[in-house]
N, C-alpha and C. Protein backbone atom coordinates (compact mmCIF):
# COMPACT_ATOMS: atom_id res chain seq x y z
N UNK A 1 21.91 168.19 122.62
CA UNK A 1 22.94 168.46 123.61
C UNK A 1 24.32 168.58 122.99
N UNK A 2 24.59 167.75 121.99
CA UNK A 2 25.91 167.81 121.35
C UNK A 2 26.12 169.15 120.67
N UNK A 3 25.08 169.66 120.01
CA UNK A 3 25.22 170.94 119.33
C UNK A 3 25.36 172.08 120.33
N UNK A 4 24.72 171.96 121.49
CA UNK A 4 24.89 172.97 122.53
C UNK A 4 26.32 172.97 123.05
N UNK A 5 26.90 171.78 123.16
CA UNK A 5 28.29 171.68 123.59
C UNK A 5 29.21 172.39 122.59
N UNK A 6 28.96 172.19 121.32
CA UNK A 6 29.76 172.86 120.28
C UNK A 6 29.54 174.37 120.35
N UNK A 7 28.31 174.79 120.55
CA UNK A 7 28.02 176.22 120.67
C UNK A 7 28.80 176.85 121.83
N UNK A 8 28.79 176.19 122.97
CA UNK A 8 29.53 176.69 124.13
C UNK A 8 31.03 176.74 123.83
N UNK A 9 31.55 175.69 123.20
CA UNK A 9 32.98 175.67 122.85
C UNK A 9 33.32 176.82 121.90
N UNK A 10 32.47 177.05 120.91
CA UNK A 10 32.74 178.12 119.95
C UNK A 10 32.64 179.49 120.60
N UNK A 11 31.71 179.66 121.52
CA UNK A 11 31.58 180.95 122.21
C UNK A 11 32.78 181.17 123.13
N UNK A 12 33.14 180.15 123.92
CA UNK A 12 34.23 180.31 124.89
C UNK A 12 35.60 180.37 124.23
N UNK A 13 35.78 179.65 123.14
CA UNK A 13 37.09 179.60 122.49
C UNK A 13 37.16 180.45 121.22
N UNK A 14 36.13 180.36 120.40
CA UNK A 14 36.17 181.02 119.10
C UNK A 14 36.00 182.53 119.15
N UNK A 15 35.08 183.01 119.96
CA UNK A 15 34.82 184.45 120.01
C UNK A 15 36.05 185.22 120.52
N UNK A 16 36.69 184.80 121.62
CA UNK A 16 37.89 185.53 122.05
C UNK A 16 39.00 185.54 120.99
N UNK A 17 39.19 184.41 120.32
CA UNK A 17 40.21 184.33 119.27
C UNK A 17 39.87 185.29 118.14
N UNK A 18 38.59 185.32 117.75
CA UNK A 18 38.15 186.23 116.69
C UNK A 18 38.37 187.69 117.08
N UNK A 19 37.99 188.03 118.30
CA UNK A 19 38.14 189.42 118.75
C UNK A 19 39.61 189.81 118.80
N UNK A 20 40.45 188.95 119.34
CA UNK A 20 41.89 189.24 119.41
C UNK A 20 42.48 189.44 118.01
N UNK A 21 42.01 188.66 117.06
CA UNK A 21 42.48 188.81 115.68
C UNK A 21 41.99 190.13 115.07
N UNK A 22 40.73 190.45 115.30
CA UNK A 22 40.16 191.67 114.72
C UNK A 22 40.82 192.94 115.24
N UNK A 23 41.23 192.93 116.52
CA UNK A 23 41.86 194.14 117.06
C UNK A 23 43.36 194.16 116.82
N UNK A 24 43.88 193.12 116.16
CA UNK A 24 45.27 193.11 115.75
C UNK A 24 46.26 192.53 116.75
N UNK A 25 45.76 191.95 117.83
CA UNK A 25 46.65 191.37 118.84
C UNK A 25 47.14 189.99 118.40
N UNK A 26 46.30 189.25 117.70
CA UNK A 26 46.62 187.89 117.29
C UNK A 26 46.95 187.87 115.80
N UNK A 27 48.17 187.48 115.43
CA UNK A 27 48.55 187.42 114.01
C UNK A 27 47.70 186.40 113.24
N UNK A 28 47.59 186.62 111.95
CA UNK A 28 46.76 185.75 111.11
C UNK A 28 47.20 184.29 111.19
N UNK A 29 48.49 184.04 111.21
CA UNK A 29 48.98 182.66 111.26
C UNK A 29 48.50 181.95 112.53
N UNK A 30 48.59 182.63 113.67
CA UNK A 30 48.10 182.04 114.92
C UNK A 30 46.58 181.92 114.92
N UNK A 31 45.91 182.92 114.35
CA UNK A 31 44.45 182.88 114.25
C UNK A 31 44.01 181.64 113.48
N UNK A 32 44.62 181.40 112.34
CA UNK A 32 44.28 180.22 111.54
C UNK A 32 44.60 178.93 112.28
N UNK A 33 45.70 178.92 112.99
CA UNK A 33 46.08 177.74 113.76
C UNK A 33 45.07 177.46 114.87
N UNK A 34 44.70 178.51 115.61
CA UNK A 34 43.74 178.34 116.71
C UNK A 34 42.35 177.94 116.20
N UNK A 35 41.88 178.58 115.13
CA UNK A 35 40.55 178.25 114.62
C UNK A 35 40.52 176.83 114.04
N UNK A 36 41.62 176.40 113.44
CA UNK A 36 41.70 175.01 112.95
C UNK A 36 41.62 174.04 114.11
N UNK A 37 42.31 174.33 115.19
CA UNK A 37 42.26 173.46 116.38
C UNK A 37 40.86 173.43 116.98
N UNK A 38 40.19 174.57 116.99
CA UNK A 38 38.82 174.61 117.53
C UNK A 38 37.89 173.76 116.67
N UNK A 39 37.98 173.87 115.35
CA UNK A 39 37.15 173.07 114.46
C UNK A 39 37.48 171.59 114.60
N UNK A 40 38.76 171.25 114.69
CA UNK A 40 39.15 169.85 114.87
C UNK A 40 38.68 169.30 116.22
N UNK A 41 38.49 170.16 117.20
CA UNK A 41 37.99 169.74 118.52
C UNK A 41 36.47 169.55 118.47
N UNK A 42 35.75 170.47 117.81
CA UNK A 42 34.29 170.42 117.86
C UNK A 42 33.65 169.48 116.84
N UNK A 43 34.27 169.28 115.69
CA UNK A 43 33.64 168.46 114.64
C UNK A 43 33.37 167.02 115.09
N UNK A 44 34.34 166.32 115.69
CA UNK A 44 34.05 164.94 116.11
C UNK A 44 32.94 164.84 117.16
N UNK A 45 32.73 165.89 117.93
CA UNK A 45 31.68 165.87 118.95
C UNK A 45 30.33 165.66 118.28
N UNK A 46 30.12 166.30 117.13
CA UNK A 46 28.82 166.26 116.47
C UNK A 46 28.55 164.94 115.77
N UNK A 47 29.55 164.34 115.11
CA UNK A 47 29.24 163.14 114.34
C UNK A 47 29.66 161.83 114.99
N UNK A 48 30.56 161.83 115.94
CA UNK A 48 31.06 160.57 116.50
C UNK A 48 30.03 159.89 117.38
N UNK A 49 29.47 160.60 118.33
CA UNK A 49 28.52 159.98 119.25
C UNK A 49 27.28 159.42 118.55
N UNK A 50 26.65 160.15 117.63
CA UNK A 50 25.50 159.55 116.93
C UNK A 50 25.88 158.29 116.16
N UNK A 51 27.08 158.27 115.56
CA UNK A 51 27.49 157.06 114.83
C UNK A 51 27.70 155.89 115.78
N UNK A 52 28.29 156.16 116.94
CA UNK A 52 28.53 155.10 117.91
C UNK A 52 27.21 154.58 118.47
N UNK A 53 26.34 155.50 118.88
CA UNK A 53 25.09 155.10 119.51
C UNK A 53 24.11 154.45 118.54
N UNK A 54 24.22 154.76 117.26
CA UNK A 54 23.31 154.16 116.29
C UNK A 54 23.79 152.79 115.81
N UNK A 55 25.02 152.43 116.15
CA UNK A 55 25.55 151.13 115.72
C UNK A 55 25.90 151.11 114.24
N UNK A 56 26.24 152.23 113.68
CA UNK A 56 26.58 152.33 112.27
C UNK A 56 27.79 151.47 111.95
N UNK A 57 27.69 150.71 110.87
CA UNK A 57 28.80 149.89 110.40
C UNK A 57 29.41 150.53 109.17
N UNK A 58 30.71 150.55 109.12
CA UNK A 58 31.41 151.12 107.98
C UNK A 58 32.14 150.00 107.26
N UNK A 59 31.91 149.91 105.96
CA UNK A 59 32.56 148.89 105.14
C UNK A 59 33.59 149.55 104.24
N UNK A 60 34.71 148.87 104.05
CA UNK A 60 35.76 149.39 103.20
C UNK A 60 36.21 148.29 102.24
N UNK A 61 36.13 148.56 100.94
CA UNK A 61 36.52 147.57 99.94
C UNK A 61 38.03 147.48 99.76
N UNK A 62 38.74 148.58 99.98
CA UNK A 62 40.18 148.63 99.71
C UNK A 62 40.90 149.26 100.90
N UNK A 63 41.37 148.43 101.82
CA UNK A 63 41.99 148.93 103.04
C UNK A 63 43.29 149.66 102.76
N UNK A 64 44.04 149.26 101.72
CA UNK A 64 45.28 149.96 101.38
C UNK A 64 45.00 151.41 100.97
N UNK A 65 43.92 151.61 100.21
CA UNK A 65 43.53 152.96 99.81
C UNK A 65 43.18 153.80 101.03
N UNK A 66 42.48 153.21 101.98
CA UNK A 66 42.11 153.92 103.20
C UNK A 66 43.35 154.31 104.00
N UNK A 67 44.30 153.40 104.15
CA UNK A 67 45.54 153.69 104.90
C UNK A 67 46.34 154.77 104.19
N UNK A 68 46.44 154.70 102.86
CA UNK A 68 47.18 155.71 102.11
C UNK A 68 46.52 157.08 102.24
N UNK A 69 45.19 157.11 102.14
CA UNK A 69 44.48 158.38 102.26
C UNK A 69 44.65 158.97 103.65
N UNK A 70 44.63 158.12 104.67
CA UNK A 70 44.80 158.59 106.04
C UNK A 70 46.19 159.20 106.24
N UNK A 71 47.20 158.59 105.64
CA UNK A 71 48.56 159.10 105.81
C UNK A 71 48.76 160.44 105.11
N UNK A 72 47.92 160.74 104.12
CA UNK A 72 48.02 162.00 103.38
C UNK A 72 46.95 163.00 103.79
N UNK A 73 46.22 162.70 104.87
CA UNK A 73 45.12 163.56 105.32
C UNK A 73 44.13 163.85 104.20
N UNK A 74 43.79 162.82 103.43
CA UNK A 74 42.87 162.98 102.31
C UNK A 74 41.43 162.78 102.76
N UNK A 75 40.52 163.29 101.95
CA UNK A 75 39.11 163.12 102.19
C UNK A 75 38.61 162.02 101.26
N UNK A 76 37.96 161.02 101.83
CA UNK A 76 37.37 159.95 101.03
C UNK A 76 35.87 160.18 100.92
N UNK A 77 35.36 160.08 99.73
CA UNK A 77 33.93 160.23 99.51
C UNK A 77 33.31 158.86 99.29
N UNK A 78 32.13 158.67 99.82
CA UNK A 78 31.47 157.37 99.72
C UNK A 78 30.33 157.41 98.72
N UNK A 79 30.13 156.28 98.07
CA UNK A 79 28.97 156.11 97.22
C UNK A 79 27.89 155.51 98.10
N UNK A 80 26.97 156.32 98.55
CA UNK A 80 25.97 155.85 99.50
C UNK A 80 24.92 154.95 98.85
N UNK A 81 24.91 154.89 97.55
CA UNK A 81 23.95 154.05 96.87
C UNK A 81 24.44 152.63 96.64
N UNK A 82 25.70 152.37 96.97
CA UNK A 82 26.25 151.03 96.71
C UNK A 82 25.78 150.04 97.77
N UNK A 83 25.83 148.78 97.41
CA UNK A 83 25.41 147.73 98.35
C UNK A 83 26.57 146.84 98.70
């Protein structure tokens, strides 16, 4: 169901934006802005609910590093093999 929700969002929001850009009505800067907003809207739908419903626990060894990375919009990679 979550993926269907994303599909509907991409069809209703993404396709019109794409078409408007292709025919030259929507400038590239606005196109990139709109598509980024669409991705930022749909991505949490797919991974947030399964993590919440599964009771996943997230551990962080260095909270200062996490706060600094968040302030810089950085991507943190996890070592999934660690204990």
